[in-house]
Each structure stands twice: as C-alpha cells, then as structure tokens.
Amino acid sequence: DPDAALAELARVGRGWVVVSVPLEPLWRVGNV
C-alpha cells in the first residue's frame, strides 16, 4: 500500500520529501 506510506510521509513532514523508485519497465529490462 504505497498510498498509505506516502500519506504518512506527507503527514509527518513539514518541509521537503524526497522519494525514489526503480523506473519501469527499464529496471526489469536491465535485469534481463
């Protein structure tokens, strides 16, 4: 449930939030 996690990040933050994830489908292509 990434929505719930992002809601928590938004709740506790009072300034900046920095998030990253693998870029798909490029990530899986690279693994193959």
PDB file of all heavy atoms in Angstrom:
ATOM      1  N   ASP A   1       0.843  -1.201   0.000  1.00  0.00           N
ATOM      2  CA  ASP A   1       0.000   0.000   0.000  1.00  0.00           C
ATOM      3  C   ASP A   1       0.879   1.253   0.000  1.00  0.00           C
ATOM      4  O   ASP A   1       1.040   1.921   1.024  1.00  0.00           O
ATOM      5  CB  ASP A   1      -0.919   0.000   1.228  1.00  0.00           C
ATOM      6  CG  ASP A   1      -2.015   1.062   1.144  1.00  0.00           C
ATOM      7  OD1 ASP A   1      -1.966   1.897   0.225  1.00  0.00           O
ATOM      8  OD2 ASP A   1      -2.906   1.048   2.008  1.00  0.00           O
ATOM      9  N   PRO A   2       1.468   1.593  -1.152  1.00  0.00           N
ATOM     10  CA  PRO A   2       2.332   2.783  -1.199  1.00  0.00           C
ATOM     11  C   PRO A   2       1.572   4.080  -0.946  1.00  0.00           C
ATOM     12  O   PRO A   2       2.152   5.052  -0.471  1.00  0.00           O
ATOM     13  CB  PRO A   2       2.918   2.741  -2.610  1.00  0.00           C
ATOM     14  CG  PRO A   2       1.952   1.922  -3.408  1.00  0.00           C
ATOM     15  CD  PRO A   2       1.403   0.907  -2.455  1.00  0.00           C
ATOM     16  N   ASP A   3       0.276   4.107  -1.246  1.00  0.00           N
ATOM     17  CA  ASP A   3      -0.523   5.301  -0.957  1.00  0.00           C
ATOM     18  C   ASP A   3      -0.528   5.594   0.540  1.00  0.00           C
ATOM     19  O   ASP A   3      -0.400   6.754   0.954  1.00  0.00           O
ATOM     20  CB  ASP A   3      -1.959   5.111  -1.452  1.00  0.00           C
ATOM     21  CG  ASP A   3      -2.211   5.803  -2.785  1.00  0.00           C
ATOM     22  OD1 ASP A   3      -1.951   7.020  -2.870  1.00  0.00           O
ATOM     23  OD2 ASP A   3      -2.641   5.138  -3.733  1.00  0.00           O
ATOM     24  N   ALA A   4      -0.690   4.541   1.350  1.00  0.00           N
ATOM     25  CA  ALA A   4      -0.700   4.736   2.798  1.00  0.00           C
ATOM     26  C   ALA A   4       0.643   5.260   3.281  1.00  0.00           C
ATOM     27  O   ALA A   4       0.699   6.135   4.163  1.00  0.00           O
ATOM     28  CB  ALA A   4      -1.038   3.423   3.506  1.00  0.00           C
ATOM     29  N   ALA A   5       1.736   4.749   2.716  1.00  0.00           N
ATOM     30  CA  ALA A   5       3.063   5.221   3.108  1.00  0.00           C
ATOM     31  C   ALA A   5       3.261   6.683   2.714  1.00  0.00           C
ATOM     32  O   ALA A   5       3.773   7.482   3.506  1.00  0.00           O
ATOM     33  CB  ALA A   5       4.137   4.343   2.483  1.00  0.00           C
ATOM     34  N   LEU A   6       2.861   7.049   1.515  1.00  0.00           N
ATOM     35  CA  LEU A   6       3.011   8.435   1.080  1.00  0.00           C
ATOM     36  C   LEU A   6       2.148   9.369   1.936  1.00  0.00           C
ATOM     37  O   LEU A   6       2.557  10.498   2.234  1.00  0.00           O
ATOM     38  CB  LEU A   6       2.647   8.569  -0.388  1.00  0.00           C
ATOM     39  CG  LEU A   6       3.760   8.192  -1.361  1.00  0.00           C
ATOM     40  CD1 LEU A   6       3.213   8.024  -2.767  1.00  0.00           C
ATOM     41  CD2 LEU A   6       4.876   9.240  -1.360  1.00  0.00           C
ATOM     42  N   ALA A   7       0.979   8.892   2.317  1.00  0.00           N
ATOM     43  CA  ALA A   7       0.142   9.706   3.208  1.00  0.00           C
ATOM     44  C   ALA A   7       0.854   9.946   4.535  1.00  0.00           C
ATOM     45  O   ALA A   7       0.761  11.042   5.108  1.00  0.00           O
ATOM     46  CB  ALA A   7      -1.199   9.013   3.432  1.00  0.00           C
ATOM     47  N   GLU A   8       1.576   8.938   5.033  1.00  0.00           N
ATOM     48  CA  GLU A   8       2.331   9.096   6.269  1.00  0.00           C
ATOM     49  C   GLU A   8       3.504  10.060   6.084  1.00  0.00           C
ATOM     50  O   GLU A   8       3.777  10.895   6.951  1.00  0.00           O
ATOM     51  CB  GLU A   8       2.849   7.740   6.759  1.00  0.00           C
ATOM     52  CG  GLU A   8       1.835   6.932   7.505  1.00  0.00           C
ATOM     53  CD  GLU A   8       1.493   7.576   8.849  1.00  0.00           C
ATOM     54  OE1 GLU A   8       0.581   8.434   8.877  1.00  0.00           O
ATOM     55  OE2 GLU A   8       2.131   7.252   9.863  1.00  0.00           O
ATOM     56  N   LEU A   9       4.205   9.945   4.957  1.00  0.00           N
ATOM     57  CA  LEU A   9       5.303  10.877   4.693  1.00  0.00           C
ATOM     58  C   LEU A   9       4.780  12.304   4.666  1.00  0.00           C
ATOM     59  O   LEU A   9       5.411  13.228   5.200  1.00  0.00           O
ATOM     60  CB  LEU A   9       5.982  10.549   3.369  1.00  0.00           C
ATOM     61  CG  LEU A   9       6.556   9.146   3.159  1.00  0.00           C
ATOM     62  CD1 LEU A   9       7.339   9.087   1.856  1.00  0.00           C
ATOM     63  CD2 LEU A   9       7.431   8.711   4.321  1.00  0.00           C
ATOM     64  N   ALA A  10       3.623  12.480   4.032  1.00  0.00           N
ATOM     65  CA  ALA A  10       3.020  13.811   3.961  1.00  0.00           C
ATOM     66  C   ALA A  10       2.567  14.279   5.344  1.00  0.00           C
ATOM     67  O   ALA A  10       2.664  15.473   5.660  1.00  0.00           O
ATOM     68  CB  ALA A  10       1.832  13.791   3.003  1.00  0.00           C
ATOM     69  N   ARG A  11       2.095  13.359   6.156  1.00  0.00           N
ATOM     70  CA  ARG A  11       1.606  13.731   7.498  1.00  0.00           C
ATOM     71  C   ARG A  11       2.730  14.204   8.404  1.00  0.00           C
ATOM     72  O   ARG A  11       2.604  15.219   9.101  1.00  0.00           O
ATOM     73  CB  ARG A  11       0.902  12.530   8.146  1.00  0.00           C
ATOM     74  CG  ARG A  11       0.396  12.818   9.560  1.00  0.00           C
ATOM     75  CD  ARG A  11      -0.189  11.577  10.214  1.00  0.00           C
ATOM     76  NE  ARG A  11       0.822  10.555  10.494  1.00  0.00           N
ATOM     77  CZ  ARG A  11       1.643  10.563  11.535  1.00  0.00           C
ATOM     78  NH1 ARG A  11       1.612  11.569  12.414  1.00  0.00           N
ATOM     79  NH2 ARG A  11       2.515   9.579  11.725  1.00  0.00           N
ATOM     80  N   VAL A  12       3.848  13.461   8.415  1.00  0.00           N
ATOM     81  CA  VAL A  12       4.914  13.791   9.370  1.00  0.00           C
ATOM     82  C   VAL A  12       5.809  14.914   8.866  1.00  0.00           C
ATOM     83  O   VAL A  12       6.496  15.560   9.662  1.00  0.00           O
ATOM     84  CB  VAL A  12       5.766  12.545   9.707  1.00  0.00           C
ATOM     85  CG1 VAL A  12       4.884  11.423  10.221  1.00  0.00           C
ATOM     86  CG2 VAL A  12       6.604  12.077   8.513  1.00  0.00           C
ATOM     87  N   GLY A  13       5.816  15.166   7.560  1.00  0.00           N
ATOM     88  CA  GLY A  13       6.709  16.182   7.006  1.00  0.00           C
ATOM     89  C   GLY A  13       6.161  17.588   7.166  1.00  0.00           C
ATOM     90  O   GLY A  13       4.955  17.821   7.123  1.00  0.00           O
ATOM     91  N   ARG A  14       7.080  18.537   7.330  1.00  0.00           N
ATOM     92  CA  ARG A  14       6.692  19.957   7.353  1.00  0.00           C
ATOM     93  C   ARG A  14       7.512  20.745   6.346  1.00  0.00           C
ATOM     94  O   ARG A  14       7.448  21.977   6.323  1.00  0.00           O
ATOM     95  CB  ARG A  14       6.871  20.534   8.751  1.00  0.00           C
ATOM     96  CG  ARG A  14       8.303  20.589   9.244  1.00  0.00           C
ATOM     97  CD  ARG A  14       8.368  21.130  10.653  1.00  0.00           C
ATOM     98  NE  ARG A  14       9.720  21.057  11.205  1.00  0.00           N
ATOM     99  CZ  ARG A  14       9.985  20.974  12.496  1.00  0.00           C
ATOM    100  NH1 ARG A  14       8.990  20.949  13.375  1.00  0.00           N
ATOM    101  NH2 ARG A  14      11.224  20.911  12.922  1.00  0.00           N
ATOM    102  N   GLY A  15       8.297  20.035   5.563  1.00  0.00           N
ATOM    103  CA  GLY A  15       9.142  20.695   4.575  1.00  0.00           C
ATOM    104  C   GLY A  15       9.270  19.849   3.327  1.00  0.00           C
ATOM    105  O   GLY A  15       8.300  19.613   2.615  1.00  0.00           O
ATOM    106  N   TRP A  16      10.464  19.338   3.086  1.00  0.00           N
ATOM    107  CA  TRP A  16      10.757  18.614   1.853  1.00  0.00           C
ATOM    108  C   TRP A  16      10.617  17.104   2.044  1.00  0.00           C
ATOM    109  O   TRP A  16      10.896  16.572   3.112  1.00  0.00           O
ATOM    110  CB  TRP A  16      12.167  18.933   1.391  1.00  0.00           C
ATOM    111  CG  TRP A  16      12.351  20.362   0.992  1.00  0.00           C
ATOM    112  CD1 TRP A  16      12.895  21.364   1.749  1.00  0.00           C
ATOM    113  CD2 TRP A  16      11.960  20.969  -0.240  1.00  0.00           C
ATOM    114  NE1 TRP A  16      12.878  22.550   1.063  1.00  0.00           N
ATOM    115  CE2 TRP A  16      12.308  22.335  -0.162  1.00  0.00           C
ATOM    116  CE3 TRP A  16      11.356  20.484  -1.397  1.00  0.00           C
ATOM    117  CZ2 TRP A  16      12.073  23.225  -1.211  1.00  0.00           C
ATOM    118  CZ3 TRP A  16      11.110  21.365  -2.449  1.00  0.00           C
ATOM    119  CH2 TRP A  16      11.474  22.717  -2.354  1.00  0.00           C
ATOM    120  N   VAL A  17      10.191  16.451   0.964  1.00  0.00           N
ATOM    121  CA  VAL A  17      10.095  14.993   0.917  1.00  0.00           C
ATOM    122  C   VAL A  17      10.767  14.540  -0.376  1.00  0.00           C
ATOM    123  O   VAL A  17      10.436  15.037  -1.458  1.00  0.00           O
ATOM    124  CB  VAL A  17       8.634  14.516   0.948  1.00  0.00           C
ATOM    125  CG1 VAL A  17       8.566  12.992   0.879  1.00  0.00           C
ATOM    126  CG2 VAL A  17       7.924  15.022   2.205  1.00  0.00           C
ATOM    127  N   VAL A  18      11.722  13.602  -0.259  1.00  0.00           N
ATOM    128  CA  VAL A  18      12.451  13.087  -1.422  1.00  0.00           C
ATOM    129  C   VAL A  18      12.209  11.585  -1.501  1.00  0.00           C
ATOM    130  O   VAL A  18      12.460  10.860  -0.530  1.00  0.00           O
ATOM    131  CB  VAL A  18      13.964  13.388  -1.317  1.00  0.00           C
ATOM    132  CG1 VAL A  18      14.706  12.828  -2.520  1.00  0.00           C
ATOM    133  CG2 VAL A  18      14.199  14.894  -1.196  1.00  0.00           C
ATOM    134  N   VAL A  19      11.713  11.133  -2.646  1.00  0.00           N
ATOM    135  CA  VAL A  19      11.378   9.717  -2.814  1.00  0.00           C
ATOM    136  C   VAL A  19      11.936   9.223  -4.149  1.00  0.00           C
ATOM    137  O   VAL A  19      12.046   9.983  -5.111  1.00  0.00           O
ATOM    138  CB  VAL A  19       9.858   9.480  -2.753  1.00  0.00           C
ATOM    139  CG1 VAL A  19       9.324   9.716  -1.359  1.00  0.00           C
ATOM    140  CG2 VAL A  19       9.120  10.373  -3.752  1.00  0.00           C
ATOM    141  N   SER A  20      12.288   7.945  -4.186  1.00  0.00           N
ATOM    142  CA  SER A  20      12.758   7.364  -5.444  1.00  0.00           C
ATOM    143  C   SER A  20      12.251   5.939  -5.572  1.00  0.00           C
ATOM    144  O   SER A  20      12.010   5.254  -4.571  1.00  0.00           O
ATOM    145  CB  SER A  20      14.289   7.377  -5.523  1.00  0.00           C
ATOM    146  OG  SER A  20      14.848   6.388  -4.676  1.00  0.00           O
ATOM    147  N   VAL A  21      12.092   5.504  -6.827  1.00  0.00           N
ATOM    148  CA  VAL A  21      11.701   4.131  -7.141  1.00  0.00           C
ATOM    149  C   VAL A  21      12.395   3.720  -8.436  1.00  0.00           C
ATOM    150  O   VAL A  21      12.835   4.567  -9.223  1.00  0.00           O
ATOM    151  CB  VAL A  21      10.171   3.991  -7.321  1.00  0.00           C
ATOM    152  CG1 VAL A  21       9.436   4.273  -6.031  1.00  0.00           C
ATOM    153  CG2 VAL A  21       9.670   4.888  -8.450  1.00  0.00           C
ATOM    154  N   PRO A  22      12.498   2.417  -8.704  1.00  0.00           N
ATOM    155  CA  PRO A  22      13.012   1.975  -9.992  1.00  0.00           C
ATOM    156  C   PRO A  22      12.091   2.432 -11.130  1.00  0.00           C
ATOM    157  O   PRO A  22      10.865   2.454 -10.981  1.00  0.00           O
ATOM    158  CB  PRO A  22      13.001   0.440  -9.878  1.00  0.00           C
ATOM    159  CG  PRO A  22      13.036   0.171  -8.412  1.00  0.00           C
ATOM    160  CD  PRO A  22      12.240   1.288  -7.789  1.00  0.00           C
ATOM    161  N   LEU A  23      12.679   2.802 -12.250  1.00  0.00           N
ATOM    162  CA  LEU A  23      11.923   3.206 -13.431  1.00  0.00           C
ATOM    163  C   LEU A  23      11.566   1.957 -14.229  1.00  0.00           C
ATOM    164  O   LEU A  23      12.452   1.235 -14.703  1.00  0.00           O
ATOM    165  CB  LEU A  23      12.757   4.165 -14.281  1.00  0.00           C
ATOM    166  CG  LEU A  23      12.144   4.576 -15.631  1.00  0.00           C
ATOM    167  CD1 LEU A  23      10.830   5.317 -15.417  1.00  0.00           C
ATOM    168  CD2 LEU A  23      13.128   5.441 -16.418  1.00  0.00           C
ATOM    169  N   GLU A  24      10.280   1.705 -14.365  1.00  0.00           N
ATOM    170  CA  GLU A  24       9.818   0.543 -15.117  1.00  0.00           C
ATOM    171  C   GLU A  24       9.257   0.960 -16.477  1.00  0.00           C
ATOM    172  O   GLU A  24       8.748   2.064 -16.620  1.00  0.00           O
ATOM    173  CB  GLU A  24       8.748  -0.206 -14.317  1.00  0.00           C
ATOM    174  CG  GLU A  24       9.246  -0.781 -13.001  1.00  0.00           C
ATOM    175  CD  GLU A  24      10.181  -1.980 -13.160  1.00  0.00           C
ATOM    176  OE1 GLU A  24      10.547  -2.312 -14.309  1.00  0.00           O
ATOM    177  OE2 GLU A  24      10.542  -2.575 -12.141  1.00  0.00           O
ATOM    178  N   PRO A  25       9.389   0.076 -17.486  1.00  0.00           N
ATOM    179  CA  PRO A  25       9.934  -1.290 -17.418  1.00  0.00           C
ATOM    180  C   PRO A  25      11.459  -1.373 -17.586  1.00  0.00           C
ATOM    181  O   PRO A  25      12.006  -2.460 -17.663  1.00  0.00           O
ATOM    182  CB  PRO A  25       9.244  -1.979 -18.590  1.00  0.00           C
ATOM    183  CG  PRO A  25       9.112  -0.888 -19.611  1.00  0.00           C
ATOM    184  CD  PRO A  25       8.817   0.367 -18.815  1.00  0.00           C
ATOM    185  N   LEU A  26      12.127  -0.211 -17.597  1.00  0.00           N
ATOM    186  CA  LEU A  26      13.567  -0.219 -17.846  1.00  0.00           C
ATOM    187  C   LEU A  26      14.320  -1.037 -16.810  1.00  0.00           C
ATOM    188  O   LEU A  26      15.294  -1.732 -17.126  1.00  0.00           O
ATOM    189  CB  LEU A  26      14.093   1.221 -17.879  1.00  0.00           C
ATOM    190  CG  LEU A  26      15.572   1.395 -18.249  1.00  0.00           C
ATOM    191  CD1 LEU A  26      15.850   0.837 -19.632  1.00  0.00           C
ATOM    192  CD2 LEU A  26      15.968   2.867 -18.179  1.00  0.00           C
ATOM    193  N   TRP A  27      13.872  -0.984 -15.550  1.00  0.00           N
ATOM    194  CA  TRP A  27      14.562  -1.717 -14.492  1.00  0.00           C
ATOM    195  C   TRP A  27      14.579  -3.213 -14.790  1.00  0.00           C
ATOM    196  O   TRP A  27      15.611  -3.867 -14.703  1.00  0.00           O
ATOM    197  CB  TRP A  27      13.874  -1.435 -13.155  1.00  0.00           C
ATOM    198  CG  TRP A  27      14.511  -2.109 -11.976  1.00  0.00           C
ATOM    199  CD1 TRP A  27      14.228  -3.359 -11.494  1.00  0.00           C
ATOM    200  CD2 TRP A  27      15.546  -1.579 -11.145  1.00  0.00           C
ATOM    201  NE1 TRP A  27      15.005  -3.639 -10.402  1.00  0.00           N
ATOM    202  CE2 TRP A  27      15.832  -2.551 -10.170  1.00  0.00           C
ATOM    203  CE3 TRP A  27      16.246  -0.373 -11.125  1.00  0.00           C
ATOM    204  CZ2 TRP A  27      16.781  -2.358  -9.180  1.00  0.00           C
ATOM    205  CZ3 TRP A  27      17.190  -0.182 -10.138  1.00  0.00           C
ATOM    206  CH2 TRP A  27      17.458  -1.162  -9.187  1.00  0.00           C
ATOM    207  N   ARG A  28      13.409  -3.748 -15.144  1.00  0.00           N
ATOM    208  CA  ARG A  28      13.331  -5.183 -15.405  1.00  0.00           C
ATOM    209  C   ARG A  28      14.096  -5.565 -16.666  1.00  0.00           C
ATOM    210  O   ARG A  28      14.719  -6.625 -16.728  1.00  0.00           O
ATOM    211  CB  ARG A  28      11.868  -5.617 -15.497  1.00  0.00           C
ATOM    212  CG  ARG A  28      11.204  -5.767 -14.131  1.00  0.00           C
ATOM    213  CD  ARG A  28       9.730  -6.045 -14.247  1.00  0.00           C
ATOM    214  NE  ARG A  28       9.017  -4.876 -14.744  1.00  0.00           N
ATOM    215  CZ  ARG A  28       7.704  -4.861 -14.978  1.00  0.00           C
ATOM    216  NH1 ARG A  28       6.973  -5.939 -14.761  1.00  0.00           N
ATOM    217  NH2 ARG A  28       7.118  -3.757 -15.407  1.00  0.00           N
ATOM    218  N   VAL A  29      14.055  -4.692 -17.669  1.00  0.00           N
ATOM    219  CA  VAL A  29      14.833  -4.952 -18.890  1.00  0.00           C
ATOM    220  C   VAL A  29      16.315  -5.048 -18.552  1.00  0.00           C
ATOM    221  O   VAL A  29      17.027  -5.938 -19.033  1.00  0.00           O
ATOM    222  CB  VAL A  29      14.579  -3.853 -19.941  1.00  0.00           C
ATOM    223  CG1 VAL A  29      15.557  -3.987 -21.100  1.00  0.00           C
ATOM    224  CG2 VAL A  29      13.143  -3.928 -20.453  1.00  0.00           C
ATOM    225  N   GLY A  30      16.790  -4.137 -17.707  1.00  0.00           N
ATOM    226  CA  GLY A  30      18.195  -4.170 -17.308  1.00  0.00           C
ATOM    227  C   GLY A  30      18.552  -5.466 -16.595  1.00  0.00           C
ATOM    228  O   GLY A  30      19.628  -6.031 -16.804  1.00  0.00           O
ATOM    229  N   ASN A  31      17.660  -5.944 -15.747  1.00  0.00           N
ATOM    230  CA  ASN A  31      17.911  -7.212 -15.068  1.00  0.00           C
ATOM    231  C   ASN A  31      17.996  -8.368 -16.057  1.00  0.00           C
ATOM    232  O   ASN A  31      18.848  -9.251 -15.931  1.00  0.00           O
ATOM    233  CB  ASN A  31      16.809  -7.489 -14.035  1.00  0.00           C
ATOM    234  CG  ASN A  31      17.026  -6.748 -12.724  1.00  0.00           C
ATOM    235  OD1 ASN A  31      18.149  -6.374 -12.391  1.00  0.00           O
ATOM    236  ND2 ASN A  31      15.955  -6.551 -11.978  1.00  0.00           N
ATOM    237  N   VAL A  32      17.100  -8.378 -17.036  1.00  0.00           N
ATOM    238  CA  VAL A  32      17.121  -9.457 -18.037  1.00  0.00           C
ATOM    239  C   VAL A  32      18.415  -9.416 -18.827  1.00  0.00           C
ATOM    240  O   VAL A  32      19.041 -10.452 -19.076  1.00  0.00           O
ATOM    241  CB  VAL A  32      15.898  -9.344 -18.968  1.00  0.00           C
ATOM    242  CG1 VAL A  32      16.045 -10.283 -20.166  1.00  0.00           C
ATOM    243  CG2 VAL A  32      14.616  -9.657 -18.206  1.00  0.00           C
TER     244      VAL A  32
END
